[in-house]
Amino acid sequence: MLLVLFLCAGIATLGLLGGGEHKLAGARRGSDPMAGFFGPDMPRYPGGEEAPAGTESSLGAATMKLSTLQTEDEPLKVGRFYANFWRQRRFFVREDVTHMGGVVSAVDVHGGFIYQLLLSVQGGRTLGFPSQTRSPLAASRTEGAVPPVPLYPESQTTLAFGSGEKDKRARLHLSVNDGGLEANLAHYRRELKNAGYSEETGAKQPEALGPDHRILVFKKEGSEVTVNLALLGGRRVRVHLMLVES
């Protein structure tokens, strides 16, 4: 379940960066954009159109690489190819694929990797998302995560995700604290303005969620930070920071 959530987070981030579309990465490795992208234990599907989906991403201390795959073959055939490849390497393999799509995953206990393939059918073609995750059990380790701006004092980080090029085109940081909603609003407004951001005062608030949920949007040239705050009860506040850089 953790790996499914991880992969979904990667796909959601790419969707945000691409305006809701899955854009194939440009070739940077000569004529073959996938050359050397994955390790030797991730197969290439014969005849498929595959390209990297960004570079390496991180969830806590775990790292992941993701690609996009398109083929005319049905999901069952594609899934069986990957499953057989990983079984030949004596990995623990699990399959759950139908004619509409599904998932194949493999665990390399000795190497510390999890390999996964998500499959679906779109427009009559099979769309796949192969992924390679190193040190998956380190996903909950967030001690080295750096938020876009300083967190509210005594905040506890619960999740950190980063994806993109060298400068991390997208970063998500989830934390909780006991400072109350108004104090958090003042803190993040102050810190973001100190960092050179300007608040988008016309940002729409989620009125259906009530007054205990606030969203702030700040921008400066080349980047945007969204602060999503929710009062969980008493003075406990959940803070979701998302930084997107162009």
Protein backbone atom coordinates (compact mmCIF):
# COMPACT_ATOMS: atom_id res chain seq x y z
CA MET A 1 0.00 0.00 0.00
CA LEU A 2 2.85 2.38 0.81
CA LEU A 3 4.39 1.88 -2.61
CA VAL A 4 1.05 2.41 -4.35
CA LEU A 5 0.64 5.70 -2.47
CA PHE A 6 4.21 6.63 -3.32
CA LEU A 7 3.70 6.02 -7.00
CA CYS A 8 0.38 7.86 -7.00
CA ALA A 9 2.09 10.81 -5.35
CA GLY A 10 4.66 10.84 -8.13
CA ILE A 11 2.01 10.70 -10.83
CA ALA A 12 -0.05 13.42 -9.13
CA THR A 13 2.99 15.68 -8.93
CA LEU A 14 3.78 15.17 -12.59
CA GLY A 15 0.17 15.98 -13.38
CA LEU A 16 0.43 19.25 -11.49
CA LEU A 17 3.62 20.17 -13.31
CA GLY A 18 2.19 19.24 -16.69
CA GLY A 19 -1.18 20.94 -16.37
CA GLY A 20 -3.00 17.65 -15.91
CA GLU A 21 -1.27 15.86 -18.79
CA HIS A 22 1.43 13.19 -18.65
CA LYS A 23 4.24 14.68 -20.71
CA LEU A 24 7.06 12.44 -21.92
CA ALA A 25 10.51 13.60 -20.92
CA GLY A 26 12.80 14.73 -23.70
CA ALA A 27 15.65 12.46 -24.81
CA ARG A 28 18.88 13.33 -23.01
CA ARG A 29 20.73 10.07 -23.59
CA GLY A 30 21.20 10.15 -27.35
CA SER A 31 18.65 8.23 -29.37
CA ASP A 32 17.46 6.20 -26.36
CA PRO A 33 16.08 8.29 -23.45
CA MET A 34 15.88 5.18 -21.23
CA ALA A 35 19.54 4.16 -21.59
CA GLY A 36 20.96 3.75 -18.08
CA PHE A 37 17.87 5.22 -16.40
CA PHE A 38 16.88 2.09 -14.43
CA GLY A 39 19.11 -0.59 -12.96
CA PRO A 40 19.58 -3.98 -14.67
CA ASP A 41 16.67 -5.57 -12.80
CA MET A 42 14.03 -3.38 -14.47
CA PRO A 43 13.16 -4.86 -17.90
CA ARG A 44 12.31 -3.01 -21.11
CA TYR A 45 9.04 -4.08 -22.69
CA PRO A 46 9.64 -5.20 -26.30
CA GLY A 47 8.24 -2.74 -28.82
CA GLY A 48 6.90 -0.37 -26.15
CA GLU A 49 7.26 3.42 -26.18
CA GLU A 50 8.96 4.28 -22.90
CA ALA A 51 10.49 7.48 -21.53
CA PRO A 52 11.59 8.79 -18.10
CA ALA A 53 8.96 10.65 -16.09
CA GLY A 54 11.24 13.27 -14.60
CA THR A 55 14.39 12.27 -12.75
CA GLU A 56 14.82 10.64 -9.33
CA SER A 57 12.19 11.47 -6.70
CA SER A 58 12.35 11.08 -2.93
CA LEU A 59 9.89 10.15 -0.22
CA GLY A 60 11.54 10.59 3.14
CA ALA A 61 14.90 8.83 2.78
CA ALA A 62 13.62 6.47 0.08
CA THR A 63 14.26 7.26 -3.58
CA MET A 64 12.25 6.36 -6.68
CA LYS A 65 12.55 6.51 -10.45
CA LEU A 66 9.45 6.43 -12.63
CA SER A 67 8.87 6.06 -16.37
CA THR A 68 5.87 6.02 -18.70
CA LEU A 69 5.19 3.11 -21.04
CA GLN A 70 2.70 2.82 -23.92
CA THR A 71 2.00 -0.26 -26.03
CA GLU A 72 -0.71 -1.80 -28.19
CA ASP A 73 -0.49 -5.06 -26.19
CA GLU A 74 -3.13 -5.81 -23.57
CA PRO A 75 -2.32 -5.35 -19.86
CA LEU A 76 -2.34 -9.10 -19.12
CA LYS A 77 0.45 -9.72 -21.64
CA VAL A 78 2.49 -6.76 -20.42
CA GLY A 79 2.09 -7.72 -16.76
CA ARG A 80 3.06 -11.33 -17.39
CA PHE A 81 6.26 -10.22 -19.18
CA TYR A 82 7.40 -8.21 -16.14
CA ALA A 83 6.34 -10.89 -13.65
CA ASN A 84 8.28 -13.61 -15.50
CA PHE A 85 11.36 -11.39 -15.76
CA TRP A 86 11.41 -10.77 -12.00
CA ARG A 87 10.66 -14.38 -11.10
CA GLN A 88 13.70 -15.45 -13.09
CA ARG A 89 15.73 -13.27 -10.72
CA ARG A 90 14.12 -15.04 -7.75
CA PHE A 91 12.38 -11.91 -6.47
CA PHE A 92 9.12 -12.14 -4.53
CA VAL A 93 6.49 -11.27 -7.15
CA ARG A 94 2.81 -10.40 -6.84
CA GLU A 95 0.41 -9.96 -9.76
CA ASP A 96 -3.08 -8.47 -9.85
CA VAL A 97 -3.83 -7.67 -13.49
CA THR A 98 -7.01 -7.92 -15.59
CA HIS A 99 -7.82 -6.86 -19.15
CA MET A 100 -8.52 -3.35 -17.75
CA GLY A 101 -5.19 -2.95 -15.93
CA GLY A 102 -3.70 -3.65 -12.53
CA VAL A 103 -0.35 -3.91 -10.77
CA VAL A 104 2.71 -6.16 -10.73
CA SER A 105 5.30 -5.75 -7.98
CA ALA A 106 8.57 -7.45 -7.09
CA VAL A 107 10.70 -7.30 -3.94
CA ASP A 108 14.48 -7.68 -4.06
CA VAL A 109 15.20 -8.34 -0.39
CA HIS A 110 18.97 -8.58 -0.78
CA GLY A 111 19.36 -5.52 -2.99
CA GLY A 112 16.90 -3.37 -1.03
CA PHE A 113 14.66 -2.51 -4.00
CA ILE A 114 10.99 -2.73 -4.83
CA TYR A 115 9.98 -2.76 -8.49
CA GLN A 116 6.43 -1.99 -9.53
CA LEU A 117 4.34 -1.64 -12.67
CA LEU A 118 0.93 0.05 -12.70
CA LEU A 119 -1.19 -0.64 -15.79
CA SER A 120 -4.36 0.88 -17.22
CA VAL A 121 -6.11 1.16 -20.59
CA GLN A 122 -6.58 4.61 -22.13
CA GLY A 123 -7.73 5.33 -25.66
CA GLY A 124 -7.43 1.70 -26.66
CA ARG A 125 -3.74 1.51 -25.65
CA THR A 126 -2.08 0.11 -22.53
CA LEU A 127 -0.48 2.80 -20.36
CA GLY A 128 2.08 1.66 -17.78
CA PHE A 129 4.13 3.29 -15.02
CA PRO A 130 7.22 1.20 -14.19
CA SER A 131 8.99 2.31 -11.01
CA GLN A 132 12.12 1.40 -9.08
CA THR A 133 12.26 2.25 -5.36
CA ARG A 134 15.44 2.07 -3.31
CA SER A 135 15.23 1.58 0.49
CA PRO A 136 11.40 1.66 0.62
CA LEU A 137 11.30 1.21 4.41
CA ALA A 138 13.10 4.56 4.75
CA ALA A 139 10.07 6.42 3.37
CA SER A 140 9.04 7.48 6.88
CA ARG A 141 12.46 8.98 7.70
CA THR A 142 12.10 12.75 7.31
CA GLU A 143 14.94 14.08 9.45
CA GLY A 144 16.88 15.34 6.41
CA ALA A 145 13.90 16.96 4.67
CA VAL A 146 14.15 20.73 4.09
CA PRO A 147 10.80 22.60 3.84
CA PRO A 148 10.36 25.56 1.46
CA VAL A 149 10.31 27.96 4.44
CA PRO A 150 10.92 27.48 8.19
CA LEU A 151 8.12 25.53 9.85
CA TYR A 152 6.06 26.76 12.78
CA PRO A 153 8.06 26.25 16.02
CA GLU A 154 7.99 22.69 17.41
CA SER A 155 6.35 21.28 14.28
CA GLN A 156 6.60 17.54 13.62
CA THR A 157 7.24 16.48 10.01
CA THR A 158 5.17 13.47 8.97
CA LEU A 159 5.84 13.30 5.21
CA ALA A 160 8.30 14.80 2.73
CA PHE A 161 8.27 14.28 -1.04
CA GLY A 162 10.47 15.75 -3.75
CA SER A 163 10.45 15.35 -7.52
CA GLY A 164 11.99 17.02 -10.53
CA GLU A 165 15.34 18.14 -11.83
CA LYS A 166 18.44 19.11 -9.82
CA ASP A 167 16.67 22.04 -8.14
CA LYS A 168 13.63 19.88 -7.23
CA ARG A 169 10.84 21.17 -9.43
CA ALA A 170 8.29 20.06 -6.84
CA ARG A 171 8.47 19.53 -3.09
CA LEU A 172 5.70 18.56 -0.67
CA HIS A 173 6.10 18.85 3.10
CA LEU A 174 3.45 17.72 5.60
CA SER A 175 3.70 18.64 9.27
CA VAL A 176 1.59 19.12 12.42
CA ASN A 177 1.91 21.48 15.38
CA ASP A 178 -0.07 22.78 18.36
CA GLY A 179 0.10 26.50 17.62
CA GLY A 180 -3.48 27.13 16.54
CA LEU A 181 -4.78 28.26 13.16
CA GLU A 182 -4.33 32.04 13.45
CA ALA A 183 -0.76 31.80 14.74
CA ASN A 184 0.13 29.47 11.86
CA LEU A 185 -1.41 31.82 9.32
CA ALA A 186 0.65 34.71 10.67
CA HIS A 187 3.83 32.61 10.78
CA TYR A 188 3.69 31.38 7.18
CA ARG A 189 2.66 34.77 5.81
CA ARG A 190 5.65 36.33 7.56
CA GLU A 191 8.16 33.65 6.52
CA LEU A 192 7.08 33.60 2.88
CA LYS A 193 7.16 37.39 2.60
CA ASN A 194 10.65 37.34 4.15
CA ALA A 195 11.64 34.83 1.46
CA GLY A 196 10.55 37.25 -1.27
CA TYR A 197 7.11 35.81 -2.07
CA SER A 198 3.96 37.85 -2.69
CA GLU A 199 0.57 36.58 -1.55
CA GLU A 200 -2.13 35.94 -4.12
CA THR A 201 -4.98 37.62 -2.28
CA GLY A 202 -7.60 36.30 -4.69
CA ALA A 203 -6.93 32.64 -3.84
CA LYS A 204 -10.25 30.81 -3.49
CA GLN A 205 -10.96 29.36 -0.06
CA PRO A 206 -12.66 25.96 0.37
CA GLU A 207 -15.87 27.35 1.85
CA ALA A 208 -17.51 23.91 1.98
CA LEU A 209 -14.87 22.80 4.52
CA GLY A 210 -15.64 25.61 6.94
CA PRO A 211 -13.56 28.24 8.74
CA ASP A 212 -11.10 25.69 10.17
CA HIS A 213 -9.50 25.14 6.76
CA ARG A 214 -7.43 27.85 5.02
CA ILE A 215 -5.35 27.94 1.84
CA LEU A 216 -2.64 30.53 1.09
CA VAL A 217 -0.92 30.93 -2.29
CA PHE A 218 2.37 32.83 -2.64
CA LYS A 219 4.36 33.48 -5.81
CA LYS A 220 7.64 34.91 -6.95
CA GLU A 221 9.39 34.66 -10.29
CA GLY A 222 9.75 31.01 -11.24
CA SER A 223 8.10 29.45 -8.18
CA GLU A 224 4.86 29.10 -6.25
CA VAL A 225 4.17 27.94 -2.70
CA THR A 226 0.75 26.73 -1.55
CA VAL A 227 0.07 26.49 2.19
CA ASN A 228 -2.89 24.30 3.12
CA LEU A 229 -3.79 24.57 6.83
CA ALA A 230 -6.47 22.64 8.70
CA LEU A 231 -7.41 22.76 12.37
CA LEU A 232 -7.61 19.14 13.53
CA GLY A 233 -9.01 19.82 16.99
CA GLY A 234 -8.03 21.98 19.94
CA ARG A 235 -4.96 23.90 18.78
CA ARG A 236 -3.52 21.10 16.61
CA VAL A 237 -2.95 22.19 13.01
CA ARG A 238 -1.98 20.21 9.92
CA VAL A 239 0.22 22.16 7.50
CA HIS A 240 0.73 21.01 3.92
CA LEU A 241 3.38 23.00 2.06
CA MET A 242 3.81 22.53 -1.68
CA LEU A 243 6.56 24.25 -3.67
CA VAL A 244 6.53 24.13 -7.49
CA GLU A 245 9.45 25.64 -9.40
CA SER A 246 9.56 26.24 -13.14
